[in-house]
Amino acid sequence: GEHQYGNANLALHLCQAISNGITTSNINANSNSNATPNATFHDIMMLEALSEASWPGRCQTIQQPDTGTTFFLDGAHTVQSLTATLQWFAHATSTPT
């Protein structure tokens, strides 16, 4: 679903921060800093990892070829994840006009 873009963005920024040696104490000491992560940090590796990422059971669609049945699977377990799942399901099942 759309929420996965935000999750992926957060994960990439955390990886960049860890790689650049940013720690909680650094952030607290420089709370007014507007530093941004290095945009060139292993760009190819990150794009490849994201393109291969898979999380079965989260916003997963399975087609059953013999019956034409479509199953929509998501293991949402919080209010936020249920909201995201409902948005994904509504989008996935909407008929284009």
N, C-alpha and C. Protein backbone atom coordinates (compact mmCIF):
# COMPACT_ATOMS: atom_id res chain seq x y z
N GLY A 1 0.80 -1.19 0.00
CA GLY A 1 0.00 0.00 0.00
C GLY A 1 0.85 1.26 0.00
N GLU A 2 0.18 2.38 -0.11
CA GLU A 2 0.87 3.68 -0.13
C GLU A 2 1.73 3.91 1.10
N HIS A 3 1.30 3.38 2.24
CA HIS A 3 2.05 3.58 3.49
C HIS A 3 3.44 2.97 3.42
N GLN A 4 3.65 2.02 2.53
CA GLN A 4 4.96 1.37 2.43
C GLN A 4 6.03 2.33 1.91
N TYR A 5 5.63 3.34 1.15
CA TYR A 5 6.61 4.34 0.69
C TYR A 5 7.20 5.09 1.88
N GLY A 6 6.35 5.47 2.81
CA GLY A 6 6.82 6.15 4.03
C GLY A 6 7.69 5.23 4.86
N ASN A 7 7.29 3.96 4.98
CA ASN A 7 8.08 2.99 5.74
C ASN A 7 9.46 2.80 5.11
N ALA A 8 9.49 2.67 3.79
CA ALA A 8 10.76 2.49 3.08
C ALA A 8 11.65 3.71 3.23
N ASN A 9 11.06 4.90 3.14
CA ASN A 9 11.81 6.14 3.29
C ASN A 9 12.43 6.23 4.69
N LEU A 10 11.65 5.90 5.70
CA LEU A 10 12.16 5.90 7.07
C LEU A 10 13.31 4.91 7.22
N ALA A 11 13.14 3.71 6.70
CA ALA A 11 14.18 2.69 6.81
C ALA A 11 15.47 3.13 6.12
N LEU A 12 15.36 3.73 4.94
CA LEU A 12 16.54 4.20 4.22
C LEU A 12 17.26 5.31 5.00
N HIS A 13 16.51 6.24 5.56
CA HIS A 13 17.12 7.32 6.32
C HIS A 13 17.78 6.79 7.60
N LEU A 14 17.17 5.80 8.23
CA LEU A 14 17.79 5.20 9.41
C LEU A 14 19.10 4.50 9.05
N CYS A 15 19.11 3.78 7.94
CA CYS A 15 20.34 3.12 7.49
C CYS A 15 21.43 4.14 7.20
N GLN A 16 21.05 5.23 6.56
CA GLN A 16 22.01 6.28 6.25
C GLN A 16 22.55 6.90 7.53
N ALA A 17 21.68 7.15 8.49
CA ALA A 17 22.11 7.76 9.76
C ALA A 17 23.07 6.84 10.49
N ILE A 18 22.76 5.57 10.54
CA ILE A 18 23.65 4.60 11.21
C ILE A 18 24.98 4.54 10.49
N SER A 19 24.95 4.50 9.18
CA SER A 19 26.18 4.43 8.39
C SER A 19 27.04 5.68 8.59
N ASN A 20 26.40 6.81 8.76
CA ASN A 20 27.12 8.07 8.94
C ASN A 20 27.52 8.32 10.39
N GLY A 21 27.23 7.36 11.27
CA GLY A 21 27.64 7.47 12.66
C GLY A 21 26.76 8.37 13.50
N ILE A 22 25.54 8.62 13.05
CA ILE A 22 24.64 9.45 13.83
C ILE A 22 24.04 8.59 14.93
N THR A 23 24.13 9.06 16.15
CA THR A 23 23.56 8.34 17.29
C THR A 23 22.56 9.23 18.00
N THR A 24 21.86 8.68 18.94
CA THR A 24 20.91 9.46 19.71
C THR A 24 21.60 10.62 20.42
N SER A 25 22.80 10.36 20.96
CA SER A 25 23.51 11.44 21.65
C SER A 25 23.93 12.53 20.68
N ASN A 26 24.30 12.17 19.43
CA ASN A 26 24.63 13.18 18.42
C ASN A 26 23.41 14.04 18.10
N ILE A 27 22.27 13.39 17.97
CA ILE A 27 21.05 14.12 17.63
C ILE A 27 20.67 15.06 18.75
N ASN A 28 20.74 14.56 20.00
CA ASN A 28 20.40 15.40 21.15
C ASN A 28 21.35 16.58 21.28
N ALA A 29 22.63 16.36 21.02
CA ALA A 29 23.62 17.43 21.14
C ALA A 29 23.45 18.48 20.06
N ASN A 30 22.94 18.05 18.90
CA ASN A 30 22.77 18.96 17.76
C ASN A 30 21.31 19.05 17.36
N SER A 31 20.44 19.27 18.31
CA SER A 31 19.01 19.24 18.04
C SER A 31 18.57 20.32 17.05
N ASN A 32 19.36 21.38 16.88
CA ASN A 32 19.02 22.43 15.93
C ASN A 32 19.60 22.17 14.55
N SER A 33 20.31 21.07 14.39
CA SER A 33 20.95 20.75 13.12
C SER A 33 19.90 20.34 12.09
N ASN A 34 20.04 20.84 10.88
CA ASN A 34 19.16 20.46 9.78
C ASN A 34 19.89 19.55 8.80
N ALA A 35 20.86 18.80 9.29
CA ALA A 35 21.65 17.92 8.43
C ALA A 35 20.76 16.88 7.79
N THR A 36 21.01 16.61 6.52
CA THR A 36 20.27 15.57 5.81
C THR A 36 21.22 14.44 5.49
N PRO A 37 20.71 13.21 5.41
CA PRO A 37 21.56 12.08 5.09
C PRO A 37 22.19 12.24 3.71
N ASN A 38 23.34 11.61 3.53
CA ASN A 38 24.06 11.64 2.27
C ASN A 38 23.22 10.97 1.19
N ALA A 39 22.83 11.73 0.18
CA ALA A 39 21.93 11.22 -0.85
C ALA A 39 22.57 10.14 -1.73
N THR A 40 23.91 10.01 -1.70
CA THR A 40 24.56 9.04 -2.56
C THR A 40 24.94 7.75 -1.84
N PHE A 41 24.51 7.59 -0.60
CA PHE A 41 24.85 6.42 0.20
C PHE A 41 24.32 5.14 -0.41
N HIS A 42 25.21 4.37 -0.98
CA HIS A 42 24.89 3.05 -1.55
C HIS A 42 23.57 3.05 -2.31
N ASP A 43 23.37 4.05 -3.17
CA ASP A 43 22.10 4.19 -3.89
C ASP A 43 21.73 2.91 -4.65
N ILE A 44 22.67 2.33 -5.34
CA ILE A 44 22.38 1.14 -6.13
C ILE A 44 21.96 -0.02 -5.23
N MET A 45 22.67 -0.21 -4.13
CA MET A 45 22.33 -1.31 -3.22
C MET A 45 20.96 -1.11 -2.60
N MET A 46 20.64 0.12 -2.23
CA MET A 46 19.35 0.39 -1.61
C MET A 46 18.21 0.18 -2.60
N LEU A 47 18.37 0.66 -3.83
CA LEU A 47 17.33 0.48 -4.84
C LEU A 47 17.12 -1.00 -5.15
N GLU A 48 18.21 -1.74 -5.22
CA GLU A 48 18.10 -3.18 -5.48
C GLU A 48 17.39 -3.88 -4.32
N ALA A 49 17.76 -3.53 -3.10
CA ALA A 49 17.12 -4.15 -1.93
C ALA A 49 15.63 -3.83 -1.90
N LEU A 50 15.27 -2.59 -2.19
CA LEU A 50 13.84 -2.23 -2.19
C LEU A 50 13.08 -2.93 -3.31
N SER A 51 13.71 -3.08 -4.47
CA SER A 51 13.02 -3.74 -5.58
C SER A 51 12.80 -5.21 -5.31
N GLU A 52 13.62 -5.81 -4.45
CA GLU A 52 13.49 -7.23 -4.13
C GLU A 52 12.75 -7.48 -2.81
N ALA A 53 12.37 -6.41 -2.14
CA ALA A 53 11.71 -6.56 -0.83
C ALA A 53 10.35 -7.23 -0.99
N SER A 54 10.08 -8.12 -0.09
CA SER A 54 8.80 -8.83 -0.08
C SER A 54 8.42 -9.10 1.36
N TRP A 55 7.14 -8.87 1.67
CA TRP A 55 6.66 -9.14 3.01
C TRP A 55 5.34 -9.88 2.89
N PRO A 56 5.44 -11.20 2.70
CA PRO A 56 4.21 -11.98 2.53
C PRO A 56 3.24 -11.73 3.67
N GLY A 57 1.97 -11.60 3.30
CA GLY A 57 0.95 -11.36 4.30
C GLY A 57 0.70 -9.89 4.59
N ARG A 58 1.44 -9.01 3.94
CA ARG A 58 1.19 -7.56 4.06
C ARG A 58 0.83 -7.05 2.67
N CYS A 59 -0.37 -6.57 2.53
CA CYS A 59 -0.86 -6.06 1.23
C CYS A 59 -0.55 -7.05 0.11
N GLN A 60 -0.85 -8.30 0.35
CA GLN A 60 -0.55 -9.36 -0.61
C GLN A 60 -1.81 -9.79 -1.34
N THR A 61 -1.69 -9.92 -2.65
CA THR A 61 -2.79 -10.39 -3.48
C THR A 61 -2.39 -11.74 -4.06
N ILE A 62 -3.28 -12.73 -3.93
CA ILE A 62 -3.02 -14.06 -4.47
C ILE A 62 -4.18 -14.42 -5.39
N GLN A 63 -3.85 -14.80 -6.62
CA GLN A 63 -4.83 -15.23 -7.60
C GLN A 63 -4.87 -16.75 -7.61
N GLN A 64 -6.06 -17.32 -7.56
CA GLN A 64 -6.22 -18.76 -7.68
C GLN A 64 -6.65 -19.03 -9.13
N PRO A 65 -5.71 -19.53 -9.95
CA PRO A 65 -5.96 -19.61 -11.39
C PRO A 65 -7.16 -20.51 -11.77
N ASP A 66 -7.35 -21.60 -11.08
CA ASP A 66 -8.41 -22.53 -11.49
C ASP A 66 -9.82 -22.01 -11.23
N THR A 67 -9.98 -21.12 -10.25
CA THR A 67 -11.32 -20.58 -9.96
C THR A 67 -11.44 -19.10 -10.28
N GLY A 68 -10.33 -18.42 -10.49
CA GLY A 68 -10.36 -16.98 -10.74
C GLY A 68 -10.58 -16.17 -9.47
N THR A 69 -10.53 -16.84 -8.33
CA THR A 69 -10.71 -16.17 -7.05
C THR A 69 -9.46 -15.37 -6.70
N THR A 70 -9.67 -14.18 -6.18
CA THR A 70 -8.56 -13.34 -5.71
C THR A 70 -8.66 -13.22 -4.20
N PHE A 71 -7.55 -13.49 -3.54
CA PHE A 71 -7.48 -13.33 -2.09
C PHE A 71 -6.64 -12.10 -1.78
N PHE A 72 -7.12 -11.28 -0.86
CA PHE A 72 -6.40 -10.09 -0.42
C PHE A 72 -5.99 -10.34 1.03
N LEU A 73 -4.69 -10.42 1.27
CA LEU A 73 -4.18 -10.79 2.58
C LEU A 73 -3.42 -9.63 3.23
N ASP A 74 -3.66 -9.44 4.52
CA ASP A 74 -2.87 -8.49 5.28
C ASP A 74 -3.01 -8.83 6.76
N GLY A 75 -1.88 -8.88 7.43
CA GLY A 75 -1.87 -9.22 8.85
C GLY A 75 -1.91 -8.00 9.75
N ALA A 76 -2.70 -7.01 9.37
CA ALA A 76 -2.80 -5.78 10.16
C ALA A 76 -3.22 -6.11 11.60
N HIS A 77 -2.58 -5.41 12.55
CA HIS A 77 -2.85 -5.71 13.96
C HIS A 77 -2.90 -4.47 14.85
N THR A 78 -2.84 -3.30 14.25
CA THR A 78 -2.98 -2.06 15.01
C THR A 78 -4.00 -1.18 14.28
N VAL A 79 -4.47 -0.16 14.95
CA VAL A 79 -5.42 0.76 14.32
C VAL A 79 -4.80 1.37 13.07
N GLN A 80 -3.53 1.79 13.16
CA GLN A 80 -2.86 2.40 12.02
C GLN A 80 -2.71 1.42 10.86
N SER A 81 -2.32 0.17 11.16
CA SER A 81 -2.15 -0.79 10.08
C SER A 81 -3.49 -1.21 9.49
N LEU A 82 -4.54 -1.26 10.30
CA LEU A 82 -5.88 -1.56 9.78
C LEU A 82 -6.36 -0.45 8.85
N THR A 83 -6.08 0.79 9.21
CA THR A 83 -6.44 1.92 8.36
C THR A 83 -5.72 1.83 7.02
N ALA A 84 -4.41 1.55 7.07
CA ALA A 84 -3.63 1.42 5.84
C ALA A 84 -4.13 0.25 5.01
N THR A 85 -4.49 -0.85 5.65
CA THR A 85 -5.01 -2.02 4.94
C THR A 85 -6.33 -1.70 4.25
N LEU A 86 -7.21 -0.99 4.93
CA LEU A 86 -8.49 -0.61 4.33
C LEU A 86 -8.28 0.28 3.11
N GLN A 87 -7.34 1.20 3.19
CA GLN A 87 -7.04 2.08 2.05
C GLN A 87 -6.48 1.26 0.89
N TRP A 88 -5.56 0.32 1.20
CA TRP A 88 -4.99 -0.54 0.16
C TRP A 88 -6.08 -1.38 -0.49
N PHE A 89 -6.93 -2.01 0.33
CA PHE A 89 -7.98 -2.86 -0.19
C PHE A 89 -8.95 -2.08 -1.07
N ALA A 90 -9.35 -0.89 -0.62
CA ALA A 90 -10.26 -0.05 -1.41
C ALA A 90 -9.65 0.29 -2.77
N HIS A 91 -8.37 0.61 -2.77
CA HIS A 91 -7.68 0.95 -4.02
C HIS A 91 -7.55 -0.30 -4.90
N ALA A 92 -7.15 -1.42 -4.30
CA ALA A 92 -6.92 -2.65 -5.05
C ALA A 92 -8.20 -3.21 -5.66
N THR A 93 -9.35 -2.93 -5.07
CA THR A 93 -10.61 -3.49 -5.54
C THR A 93 -11.47 -2.49 -6.30
N SER A 94 -10.97 -1.26 -6.42
CA SER A 94 -11.76 -0.24 -7.13
C SER A 94 -11.71 -0.51 -8.63
N THR A 95 -12.81 -0.20 -9.30
CA THR A 95 -12.91 -0.37 -10.73
C THR A 95 -12.53 0.93 -11.40
N PRO A 96 -11.53 0.89 -12.31
CA PRO A 96 -11.15 2.13 -12.99
C PRO A 96 -12.33 2.68 -13.82
N THR A 97 -12.45 4.00 -13.82
CA THR A 97 -13.56 4.62 -14.57
C THR A 97 -13.11 5.07 -15.93
